[in-house]
Protein backbone atom coordinates (compact mmCIF):
# COMPACT_ATOMS: atom_id res chain seq x y z
CA UNK A 1 -11.41 -53.46 62.11
CA UNK A 2 -7.52 -53.92 61.95
CA UNK A 3 -6.08 -53.39 65.47
CA UNK A 4 -2.55 -52.51 64.15
CA UNK A 5 -1.23 -56.32 63.90
CA UNK A 6 -1.10 -57.48 60.32
CA UNK A 7 -1.38 -61.14 58.94
CA UNK A 8 0.38 -60.53 55.70
CA UNK A 9 -2.71 -61.33 53.83
CA UNK A 10 -4.49 -57.71 52.78
CA UNK A 11 -7.60 -59.48 52.01
CA UNK A 12 -8.08 -60.65 55.64
CA UNK A 13 -6.87 -57.63 57.39
CA UNK A 14 -8.71 -54.99 55.23
CA UNK A 15 -11.34 -56.92 53.18
CA UNK A 16 -13.42 -53.81 52.13
CA UNK A 17 -10.39 -53.08 49.77
CA UNK A 18 -10.83 -56.27 47.79
CA UNK A 19 -14.08 -56.38 45.63
CA UNK A 20 -13.45 -60.38 45.02
CA UNK A 21 -12.81 -61.05 49.16
CA UNK A 22 -10.01 -63.78 47.79
CA UNK A 23 -6.84 -64.10 49.88
CA UNK A 24 -4.20 -61.32 48.42
CA UNK A 25 -0.87 -61.88 49.99
CA UNK A 26 2.05 -59.27 49.93
CA UNK A 27 4.45 -59.15 47.30
CA UNK A 28 7.09 -57.83 49.72
CA UNK A 29 9.08 -58.78 52.49
CA UNK A 30 7.95 -58.69 56.20
CA UNK A 31 10.02 -55.69 57.03
CA UNK A 32 7.58 -53.59 54.88
CA UNK A 33 4.42 -55.32 56.31
CA UNK A 34 3.99 -52.51 59.01
CA UNK A 35 4.52 -49.59 56.47
CA UNK A 36 2.08 -51.17 54.18
CA UNK A 37 -0.43 -51.41 57.14
CA UNK A 38 0.26 -47.98 58.20
CA UNK A 39 -0.51 -46.72 54.71
CA UNK A 40 -3.84 -48.32 54.33
CA UNK A 41 -5.19 -47.37 57.67
CA UNK A 42 -4.47 -43.79 56.54
CA UNK A 43 -5.79 -44.39 53.34
CA UNK A 44 -9.16 -45.60 54.88
CA UNK A 45 -9.19 -42.44 57.09
CA UNK A 46 -9.20 -40.16 54.30
CA UNK A 47 -11.81 -42.22 52.87
CA UNK A 48 -13.79 -41.66 56.00
CA UNK A 49 -13.09 -38.12 56.85
CA UNK A 50 -13.99 -37.52 53.14
CA UNK A 51 -17.07 -39.70 53.48
CA UNK A 52 -16.42 -41.41 50.36
CA UNK A 53 -17.50 -45.22 50.50
CA UNK A 54 -14.90 -47.72 51.06
CA UNK A 55 -16.06 -49.80 48.45
CA UNK A 56 -14.56 -46.91 46.09
CA UNK A 57 -11.25 -47.81 46.74
CA UNK A 58 -9.27 -51.23 45.49
CA UNK A 59 -5.90 -52.53 45.77
CA UNK A 60 -4.65 -54.23 42.76
CA UNK A 61 -1.15 -55.06 43.71
CA UNK A 62 1.30 -54.48 46.38
CA UNK A 63 5.10 -55.49 45.46
CA UNK A 64 8.73 -54.54 45.39
CA UNK A 65 10.34 -52.87 42.23
CA UNK A 66 13.75 -51.45 41.56
CA UNK A 67 14.06 -51.70 45.72
CA UNK A 68 11.15 -49.97 46.93
CA UNK A 69 7.65 -50.36 47.75
CA UNK A 70 5.07 -50.12 44.62
CA UNK A 71 1.05 -49.97 45.44
CA UNK A 72 -1.08 -50.37 42.51
CA UNK A 73 -4.95 -49.25 43.15
CA UNK A 74 -7.88 -48.99 41.09
CA UNK A 75 -9.62 -45.81 40.30
CA UNK A 76 -9.59 -43.52 42.99
CA UNK A 77 -12.58 -40.83 43.37
CA UNK A 78 -11.64 -37.37 42.40
CA UNK A 79 -12.41 -36.32 46.24
CA UNK A 80 -9.83 -38.16 47.70
CA UNK A 81 -7.19 -38.46 44.80
CA UNK A 82 -4.64 -36.15 45.69
CA UNK A 83 -4.43 -37.12 49.50
CA UNK A 84 -4.63 -40.91 48.47
CA UNK A 85 -1.69 -40.42 46.00
CA UNK A 86 0.37 -38.39 48.70
CA UNK A 87 -0.19 -41.08 51.03
CA UNK A 88 1.29 -43.94 48.81
CA UNK A 89 3.94 -42.19 47.37
CA UNK A 90 5.22 -41.11 50.99
CA UNK A 91 4.90 -44.87 51.73
CA UNK A 92 7.05 -45.84 48.46
CA UNK A 93 9.49 -42.96 49.46
CA UNK A 94 9.89 -44.21 53.07
CA UNK A 95 10.48 -48.15 51.76
CA UNK A 96 13.73 -46.88 50.51
CA UNK A 97 14.80 -46.24 54.06
CA UNK A 98 13.77 -49.50 55.76
CA UNK A 99 15.09 -52.96 55.26
CA UNK A 100 12.74 -54.89 53.51
CA UNK A 101 13.60 -58.26 55.22
CA UNK A 102 13.59 -56.84 58.83
CA UNK A 103 11.94 -53.53 59.02
CA UNK A 104 15.16 -52.04 60.53
CA UNK A 105 16.55 -48.46 59.03
CA UNK A 106 17.94 -49.61 55.53
CA UNK A 107 19.21 -47.94 52.50
CA UNK A 108 18.59 -48.66 48.82
CA UNK A 109 21.51 -51.01 47.46
CA UNK A 110 22.06 -51.56 43.47
CA UNK A 111 24.32 -54.70 43.91
CA UNK A 112 22.92 -56.90 41.04
CA UNK A 113 19.43 -56.56 42.15
CA UNK A 114 18.03 -53.33 43.64
CA UNK A 115 16.80 -53.66 47.18
CA UNK A 116 16.81 -51.92 50.33
CA UNK A 117 18.41 -53.61 53.25
CA UNK A 118 19.84 -52.89 56.99
CA UNK A 119 23.71 -53.30 57.35
CA UNK A 120 23.50 -56.58 58.52
CA UNK A 121 21.24 -58.09 55.45
CA UNK A 122 23.57 -55.83 52.99
CA UNK A 123 26.51 -57.50 54.72
CA UNK A 124 24.66 -61.35 54.38
CA UNK A 125 23.48 -60.32 50.55
CA UNK A 126 26.91 -59.40 49.53
CA UNK A 127 28.88 -62.07 51.51
CA UNK A 128 26.36 -64.59 49.62
CA UNK A 129 27.08 -63.18 46.44
CA UNK A 130 30.89 -63.56 47.03
CA UNK A 131 30.46 -67.11 47.60
CA UNK A 132 28.38 -67.77 44.09
CA UNK A 133 31.09 -65.85 42.42
CA UNK A 134 33.86 -68.22 43.92
CA UNK A 135 31.96 -71.43 43.15
CA UNK A 136 31.04 -70.08 39.68
CA UNK A 137 35.18 -69.48 38.89
CA UNK A 138 35.92 -72.93 40.57
CA UNK A 139 33.75 -74.84 37.91
């Protein structure tokens, strides 16, 4: 059972979420790892409360898209469908308030790429874009 720490490889921390047991890394920054861990703990609690076998839940993909967290699952049993989707929706929405890089409070920015970043990482990203732009114009 996961004790609240998280290795970044879903199938190591929650092996019962994966049918084949192969390593499944998150496709998101470390800043969202805690949010993912909390989300899967909540989902597992719903399955246990409703007495739905854990082998009836599977994660297909966890990634960043349009600056927010996306969690794709296999078919979810009807008895827990609404609760599980609500948990996932809440996590996806909350991700747009957490820096994907460091986990500090952040906001969605749309400077080329869509990302959720804290002030520090937004400044670093914009500084990087600015230096790339200067290099491109000097060529």
